[in-house]
Amino acid sequence: QVQLVESGGGLVQAGGSLRLSCAASGRTFRIAAMGWFRQTPGKEREFVAAIKWSGGSTYYTDSMKGRSTISRDNAKNTVYLQMNSLKPEDTAVYYCAADKDPRRVGVSTQPEEYDYWGQGTQVTVSS
């Protein structure tokens, strides 16, 4: 099993920045990629960004390209999501997830293909 704990959410004004962290513990050797998703009430969970654990290739949803950076610290088993120029529409609960499939080419943007999830952290962007 892999346990994921997010932190770093909060309230920020539009145009501001936040850095989310996700610390992994347990059988972290199983992790092939880690991703960030977000969800608002009544909507499906939406892919934000992901990073391959080996090699560090990164992937972003179009709305976050140029405004966010996903990175990892393998020694700390931690993934970060730096978000800049935040907009009110970025308001959501942000979830960290881990994919254990080593055979996947690239990353998946589908939440059902991730095996482990954190509890989520609220990000609120005020206008």
N, C-alpha and C. Protein backbone atom coordinates (compact mmCIF):
# COMPACT_ATOMS: atom_id res chain seq x y z
N GLN A 1 0.82 -1.20 0.00
CA GLN A 1 0.00 0.00 0.00
C GLN A 1 0.86 1.25 0.00
N VAL A 2 0.29 2.29 -0.56
CA VAL A 2 0.94 3.60 -0.58
C VAL A 2 -0.02 4.60 0.06
N GLN A 3 0.50 5.39 0.95
CA GLN A 3 -0.29 6.44 1.58
C GLN A 3 0.17 7.79 1.04
N LEU A 4 -0.81 8.65 0.76
CA LEU A 4 -0.52 9.97 0.20
C LEU A 4 -1.15 11.03 1.09
N VAL A 5 -0.39 12.05 1.41
CA VAL A 5 -0.90 13.14 2.24
C VAL A 5 -0.60 14.46 1.56
N GLU A 6 -1.65 15.20 1.22
CA GLU A 6 -1.48 16.50 0.59
C GLU A 6 -1.42 17.61 1.64
N SER A 7 -0.80 18.69 1.25
CA SER A 7 -0.78 19.89 2.08
C SER A 7 -0.55 21.09 1.18
N GLY A 8 -0.78 22.27 1.74
CA GLY A 8 -0.46 23.49 1.00
C GLY A 8 -1.65 24.23 0.43
N GLY A 9 -2.83 23.67 0.56
CA GLY A 9 -4.00 24.38 0.06
C GLY A 9 -4.31 25.59 0.93
N GLY A 10 -5.26 26.38 0.47
CA GLY A 10 -5.66 27.56 1.25
C GLY A 10 -6.42 28.55 0.41
N LEU A 11 -6.56 29.75 0.96
CA LEU A 11 -7.28 30.84 0.31
C LEU A 11 -6.26 31.82 -0.26
N VAL A 12 -6.45 32.15 -1.52
CA VAL A 12 -5.53 33.08 -2.18
C VAL A 12 -6.33 33.99 -3.11
N GLN A 13 -5.85 35.18 -3.31
CA GLN A 13 -6.52 36.09 -4.24
C GLN A 13 -6.16 35.74 -5.67
N ALA A 14 -7.04 36.11 -6.57
CA ALA A 14 -6.78 35.89 -7.99
C ALA A 14 -5.44 36.52 -8.37
N GLY A 15 -4.67 35.79 -9.15
CA GLY A 15 -3.34 36.24 -9.53
C GLY A 15 -2.24 35.75 -8.61
N GLY A 16 -2.64 35.19 -7.49
CA GLY A 16 -1.67 34.71 -6.52
C GLY A 16 -1.15 33.33 -6.84
N SER A 17 -0.36 32.80 -5.93
CA SER A 17 0.30 31.51 -6.12
C SER A 17 0.11 30.62 -4.90
N LEU A 18 0.16 29.33 -5.15
CA LEU A 18 0.16 28.33 -4.08
C LEU A 18 1.06 27.18 -4.51
N ARG A 19 1.66 26.53 -3.54
CA ARG A 19 2.40 25.31 -3.82
C ARG A 19 1.81 24.19 -2.99
N LEU A 20 1.32 23.20 -3.69
CA LEU A 20 0.78 22.01 -3.04
C LEU A 20 1.89 20.96 -2.93
N SER A 21 1.84 20.21 -1.84
CA SER A 21 2.78 19.12 -1.64
C SER A 21 2.02 17.82 -1.43
N CYS A 22 2.63 16.74 -1.83
CA CYS A 22 2.05 15.42 -1.62
C CYS A 22 3.16 14.48 -1.19
N ALA A 23 3.09 14.05 0.05
CA ALA A 23 4.10 13.15 0.59
C ALA A 23 3.61 11.72 0.52
N ALA A 24 4.42 10.87 -0.06
CA ALA A 24 4.07 9.45 -0.19
C ALA A 24 4.84 8.64 0.84
N SER A 25 4.18 7.62 1.36
CA SER A 25 4.83 6.71 2.30
C SER A 25 4.31 5.30 2.03
N GLY A 26 4.96 4.34 2.67
CA GLY A 26 4.58 2.95 2.46
C GLY A 26 5.42 2.34 1.33
N ARG A 27 4.77 1.57 0.49
CA ARG A 27 5.47 0.87 -0.60
C ARG A 27 5.69 1.82 -1.78
N THR A 28 6.48 2.84 -1.56
CA THR A 28 6.66 3.87 -2.59
C THR A 28 7.40 3.35 -3.82
N PHE A 29 8.07 2.21 -3.68
CA PHE A 29 8.75 1.64 -4.85
C PHE A 29 7.76 1.24 -5.93
N ARG A 30 6.49 1.13 -5.55
CA ARG A 30 5.46 0.77 -6.52
C ARG A 30 5.07 1.93 -7.43
N ILE A 31 5.42 3.13 -7.05
CA ILE A 31 4.94 4.30 -7.77
C ILE A 31 5.64 4.44 -9.11
N ALA A 32 4.84 4.51 -10.18
CA ALA A 32 5.38 4.74 -11.52
C ALA A 32 5.17 6.19 -11.95
N ALA A 33 4.08 6.77 -11.47
CA ALA A 33 3.79 8.16 -11.80
C ALA A 33 2.89 8.73 -10.71
N MET A 34 2.93 10.04 -10.58
CA MET A 34 2.04 10.70 -9.64
C MET A 34 1.35 11.85 -10.33
N GLY A 35 0.12 12.05 -9.96
CA GLY A 35 -0.65 13.09 -10.61
C GLY A 35 -1.43 13.93 -9.63
N TRP A 36 -1.86 15.06 -10.12
CA TRP A 36 -2.77 15.93 -9.38
C TRP A 36 -4.08 16.03 -10.15
N PHE A 37 -5.15 15.91 -9.42
CA PHE A 37 -6.49 16.08 -9.96
C PHE A 37 -7.21 17.12 -9.12
N ARG A 38 -8.31 17.64 -9.64
CA ARG A 38 -9.12 18.56 -8.84
C ARG A 38 -10.59 18.28 -9.10
N GLN A 39 -11.39 18.66 -8.13
CA GLN A 39 -12.82 18.38 -8.23
C GLN A 39 -13.61 19.47 -7.53
N THR A 40 -14.69 19.89 -8.19
CA THR A 40 -15.64 20.81 -7.60
C THR A 40 -16.97 20.09 -7.45
N PRO A 41 -17.83 20.57 -6.56
CA PRO A 41 -19.11 19.88 -6.30
C PRO A 41 -19.91 19.69 -7.58
N GLY A 42 -20.39 18.47 -7.77
CA GLY A 42 -21.23 18.16 -8.91
C GLY A 42 -20.49 17.88 -10.19
N LYS A 43 -19.16 17.96 -10.15
CA LYS A 43 -18.37 17.71 -11.35
C LYS A 43 -17.46 16.52 -11.15
N GLU A 44 -17.02 15.95 -12.27
CA GLU A 44 -16.10 14.82 -12.20
C GLU A 44 -14.70 15.32 -11.84
N ARG A 45 -13.93 14.38 -11.32
CA ARG A 45 -12.56 14.71 -11.00
C ARG A 45 -11.79 14.97 -12.30
N GLU A 46 -11.02 16.05 -12.29
CA GLU A 46 -10.37 16.55 -13.50
C GLU A 46 -8.85 16.47 -13.36
N PHE A 47 -8.21 15.97 -14.42
CA PHE A 47 -6.74 15.89 -14.44
C PHE A 47 -6.14 17.29 -14.47
N VAL A 48 -5.08 17.48 -13.69
CA VAL A 48 -4.37 18.75 -13.68
C VAL A 48 -2.96 18.59 -14.22
N ALA A 49 -2.21 17.68 -13.63
CA ALA A 49 -0.82 17.48 -14.03
C ALA A 49 -0.33 16.14 -13.52
N ALA A 50 0.74 15.64 -14.12
CA ALA A 50 1.32 14.38 -13.66
C ALA A 50 2.80 14.35 -14.00
N ILE A 51 3.51 13.48 -13.30
CA ILE A 51 4.95 13.35 -13.50
C ILE A 51 5.33 11.89 -13.38
N LYS A 52 6.19 11.44 -14.28
CA LYS A 52 6.71 10.10 -14.20
C LYS A 52 7.75 10.05 -13.08
N TRP A 53 7.67 9.00 -12.27
CA TRP A 53 8.59 8.91 -11.14
C TRP A 53 10.02 8.69 -11.61
N SER A 54 10.18 7.91 -12.65
CA SER A 54 11.51 7.69 -13.22
C SER A 54 11.63 8.53 -14.48
N GLY A 55 12.59 9.38 -14.52
CA GLY A 55 12.78 10.22 -15.69
C GLY A 55 12.22 11.61 -15.54
N GLY A 56 11.11 11.73 -14.80
CA GLY A 56 10.57 13.05 -14.51
C GLY A 56 9.79 13.73 -15.61
N SER A 57 9.37 12.99 -16.64
CA SER A 57 8.55 13.63 -17.67
C SER A 57 7.28 14.19 -17.06
N THR A 58 6.89 15.36 -17.55
CA THR A 58 5.73 16.04 -16.98
C THR A 58 4.64 16.24 -18.01
N TYR A 59 3.42 16.32 -17.51
CA TYR A 59 2.24 16.47 -18.37
C TYR A 59 1.26 17.40 -17.67
N TYR A 60 0.57 18.23 -18.46
CA TYR A 60 -0.35 19.21 -17.90
C TYR A 60 -1.64 19.26 -18.71
N THR A 61 -2.72 19.57 -18.03
CA THR A 61 -3.92 19.87 -18.76
C THR A 61 -3.74 21.25 -19.39
N ASP A 62 -4.43 21.49 -20.48
CA ASP A 62 -4.21 22.73 -21.23
C ASP A 62 -4.41 23.97 -20.37
N SER A 63 -5.40 23.96 -19.50
CA SER A 63 -5.72 25.15 -18.72
C SER A 63 -4.64 25.50 -17.71
N MET A 64 -3.75 24.54 -17.42
CA MET A 64 -2.72 24.79 -16.43
C MET A 64 -1.33 24.94 -17.05
N LYS A 65 -1.22 24.71 -18.33
CA LYS A 65 0.08 24.87 -18.97
C LYS A 65 0.52 26.32 -18.87
N GLY A 66 1.77 26.54 -18.51
CA GLY A 66 2.29 27.90 -18.38
C GLY A 66 1.97 28.55 -17.05
N ARG A 67 1.07 27.97 -16.29
CA ARG A 67 0.71 28.53 -14.98
C ARG A 67 1.09 27.61 -13.83
N SER A 68 1.49 26.40 -14.15
CA SER A 68 1.82 25.48 -13.07
C SER A 68 3.05 24.66 -13.42
N THR A 69 3.68 24.16 -12.37
CA THR A 69 4.84 23.29 -12.53
C THR A 69 4.73 22.14 -11.55
N ILE A 70 4.80 20.92 -12.08
CA ILE A 70 4.82 19.75 -11.21
C ILE A 70 6.26 19.28 -11.11
N SER A 71 6.67 18.92 -9.92
CA SER A 71 8.03 18.45 -9.71
C SER A 71 8.03 17.39 -8.63
N ARG A 72 9.16 16.72 -8.51
CA ARG A 72 9.23 15.66 -7.50
C ARG A 72 10.57 15.69 -6.82
N ASP A 73 10.58 15.19 -5.60
CA ASP A 73 11.81 14.99 -4.85
C ASP A 73 11.80 13.52 -4.47
N ASN A 74 12.53 12.73 -5.25
CA ASN A 74 12.49 11.28 -5.02
C ASN A 74 13.01 10.90 -3.64
N ALA A 75 13.99 11.63 -3.16
CA ALA A 75 14.57 11.31 -1.85
C ALA A 75 13.54 11.50 -0.74
N LYS A 76 12.64 12.46 -0.93
CA LYS A 76 11.61 12.73 0.07
C LYS A 76 10.29 12.07 -0.28
N ASN A 77 10.25 11.40 -1.43
CA ASN A 77 8.99 10.78 -1.89
C ASN A 77 7.86 11.81 -1.90
N THR A 78 8.17 12.96 -2.42
CA THR A 78 7.21 14.07 -2.40
C THR A 78 7.07 14.67 -3.79
N VAL A 79 5.84 14.99 -4.12
CA VAL A 79 5.53 15.67 -5.37
C VAL A 79 4.96 17.04 -5.05
N TYR A 80 5.31 18.01 -5.87
CA TYR A 80 4.86 19.38 -5.65
C TYR A 80 4.08 19.85 -6.88
N LEU A 81 3.13 20.74 -6.62
CA LEU A 81 2.44 21.42 -7.71
C LEU A 81 2.47 22.91 -7.40
N GLN A 82 3.31 23.61 -8.13
CA GLN A 82 3.39 25.06 -8.00
C GLN A 82 2.38 25.67 -8.95
N MET A 83 1.46 26.45 -8.42
CA MET A 83 0.43 27.07 -9.26
C MET A 83 0.54 28.59 -9.15
N ASN A 84 0.63 29.23 -10.29
CA ASN A 84 0.76 30.68 -10.36
C ASN A 84 -0.41 31.28 -11.14
N SER A 85 -0.55 32.58 -11.04
CA SER A 85 -1.61 33.29 -11.76
C SER A 85 -2.97 32.60 -11.57
N LEU A 86 -3.26 32.30 -10.33
CA LEU A 86 -4.48 31.54 -10.04
C LEU A 86 -5.72 32.35 -10.37
N LYS A 87 -6.74 31.62 -10.80
CA LYS A 87 -8.01 32.22 -11.18
C LYS A 87 -9.12 31.64 -10.31
N PRO A 88 -10.22 32.36 -10.17
CA PRO A 88 -11.33 31.82 -9.37
C PRO A 88 -11.79 30.44 -9.85
N GLU A 89 -11.69 30.20 -11.15
CA GLU A 89 -12.11 28.89 -11.66
C GLU A 89 -11.16 27.76 -11.30
N ASP A 90 -10.03 28.09 -10.68
CA ASP A 90 -9.12 27.06 -10.17
C ASP A 90 -9.56 26.56 -8.80
N THR A 91 -10.57 27.20 -8.23
CA THR A 91 -11.08 26.77 -6.93
C THR A 91 -11.61 25.35 -7.00
N ALA A 92 -11.09 24.50 -6.12
CA ALA A 92 -11.47 23.09 -6.12
C ALA A 92 -10.77 22.40 -4.96
N VAL A 93 -11.16 21.16 -4.74
CA VAL A 93 -10.37 20.29 -3.87
C VAL A 93 -9.34 19.60 -4.77
N TYR A 94 -8.10 19.70 -4.40
CA TYR A 94 -7.02 19.12 -5.18
C TYR A 94 -6.57 17.82 -4.53
N TYR A 95 -6.50 16.78 -5.36
CA TYR A 95 -6.12 15.46 -4.91
C TYR A 95 -4.81 15.02 -5.55
N CYS A 96 -4.01 14.38 -4.77
CA CYS A 96 -2.80 13.73 -5.26
C CYS A 96 -3.12 12.25 -5.48
N ALA A 97 -2.52 11.68 -6.51
CA ALA A 97 -2.77 10.27 -6.82
C ALA A 97 -1.50 9.61 -7.32
N ALA A 98 -1.42 8.31 -7.12
CA ALA A 98 -0.26 7.54 -7.57
C ALA A 98 -0.70 6.39 -8.46
N ASP A 99 0.04 6.21 -9.54
CA ASP A 99 -0.20 5.13 -10.49
C ASP A 99 0.93 4.12 -10.33
N LYS A 100 0.60 2.87 -10.17
CA LYS A 100 1.64 1.86 -9.96
C LYS A 100 1.95 1.05 -11.21
N ASP A 101 1.33 1.40 -12.35
CA ASP A 101 1.57 0.63 -13.56
C ASP A 101 2.89 1.03 -14.22
N PRO A 102 3.90 0.17 -14.17
CA PRO A 102 5.21 0.52 -14.75
C PRO A 102 5.23 0.43 -16.26
N ARG A 103 4.18 -0.19 -16.85
CA ARG A 103 4.19 -0.40 -18.30
C ARG A 103 3.53 0.74 -19.06
N ARG A 104 2.91 1.66 -18.33
CA ARG A 104 2.16 2.71 -19.02
C ARG A 104 3.12 3.66 -19.74
N VAL A 105 2.80 3.92 -20.98
CA VAL A 105 3.59 4.88 -21.74
C VAL A 105 3.04 6.26 -21.43
N GLY A 106 3.88 7.14 -20.98
CA GLY A 106 3.39 8.46 -20.58
C GLY A 106 2.64 8.36 -19.27
N VAL A 107 1.59 9.16 -19.13
CA VAL A 107 0.76 9.11 -17.92
C VAL A 107 -0.70 9.03 -18.33
N SER A 108 -1.51 8.63 -17.38
CA SER A 108 -2.94 8.61 -17.64
C SER A 108 -3.57 9.89 -17.10
N THR A 109 -4.56 10.37 -17.80
CA THR A 109 -5.34 11.52 -17.33
C THR A 109 -6.66 11.08 -16.73
N GLN A 110 -6.85 9.78 -16.64
CA GLN A 110 -8.11 9.23 -16.14
C GLN A 110 -7.98 8.82 -14.68
N PRO A 111 -8.78 9.37 -13.81
CA PRO A 111 -8.64 9.09 -12.38
C PRO A 111 -8.80 7.61 -12.05
N GLU A 112 -9.58 6.88 -12.82
CA GLU A 112 -9.81 5.46 -12.48
C GLU A 112 -8.56 4.61 -12.70
N GLU A 113 -7.56 5.16 -13.38
CA GLU A 113 -6.34 4.39 -13.62
C GLU A 113 -5.27 4.67 -12.58
N TYR A 114 -5.60 5.46 -11.59
CA TYR A 114 -4.68 5.69 -10.48
C TYR A 114 -5.09 4.81 -9.31
N ASP A 115 -4.09 4.31 -8.62
CA ASP A 115 -4.32 3.27 -7.62
C ASP A 115 -4.45 3.80 -6.19
N TYR A 116 -3.81 4.89 -5.92
CA TYR A 116 -3.80 5.42 -4.56
C TYR A 116 -4.13 6.91 -4.60
N TRP A 117 -4.83 7.36 -3.55
CA TRP A 117 -5.30 8.74 -3.49
C TRP A 117 -5.07 9.34 -2.12
N GLY A 118 -4.81 10.63 -2.11
CA GLY A 118 -4.77 11.36 -0.87
C GLY A 118 -6.16 11.82 -0.48
N GLN A 119 -6.23 12.53 0.63
CA GLN A 119 -7.53 12.95 1.16
C GLN A 119 -8.01 14.26 0.54
N GLY A 120 -7.13 14.95 -0.15
CA GLY A 120 -7.51 16.20 -0.80
C GLY A 120 -7.18 17.42 0.04
N THR A 121 -6.94 18.53 -0.66
CA THR A 121 -6.68 19.79 0.01
C THR A 121 -7.45 20.88 -0.75
N GLN A 122 -8.11 21.74 0.01
CA GLN A 122 -8.96 22.76 -0.60
C GLN A 122 -8.13 23.94 -1.07
N VAL A 123 -8.38 24.34 -2.32
CA VAL A 123 -7.80 25.57 -2.86
C VAL A 123 -8.95 26.50 -3.22
N THR A 124 -8.93 27.68 -2.65
CA THR A 124 -9.97 28.67 -2.92
C THR A 124 -9.32 29.95 -3.43
N VAL A 125 -9.74 30.37 -4.62
CA VAL A 125 -9.20 31.58 -5.23
C VAL A 125 -10.31 32.62 -5.26
N SER A 126 -10.08 33.71 -4.56
CA SER A 126 -11.10 34.76 -4.50
C SER A 126 -10.86 35.80 -5.60
N SER A 127 -11.94 36.36 -6.07
CA SER A 127 -11.83 37.35 -7.16
C SER A 127 -11.67 38.75 -6.63
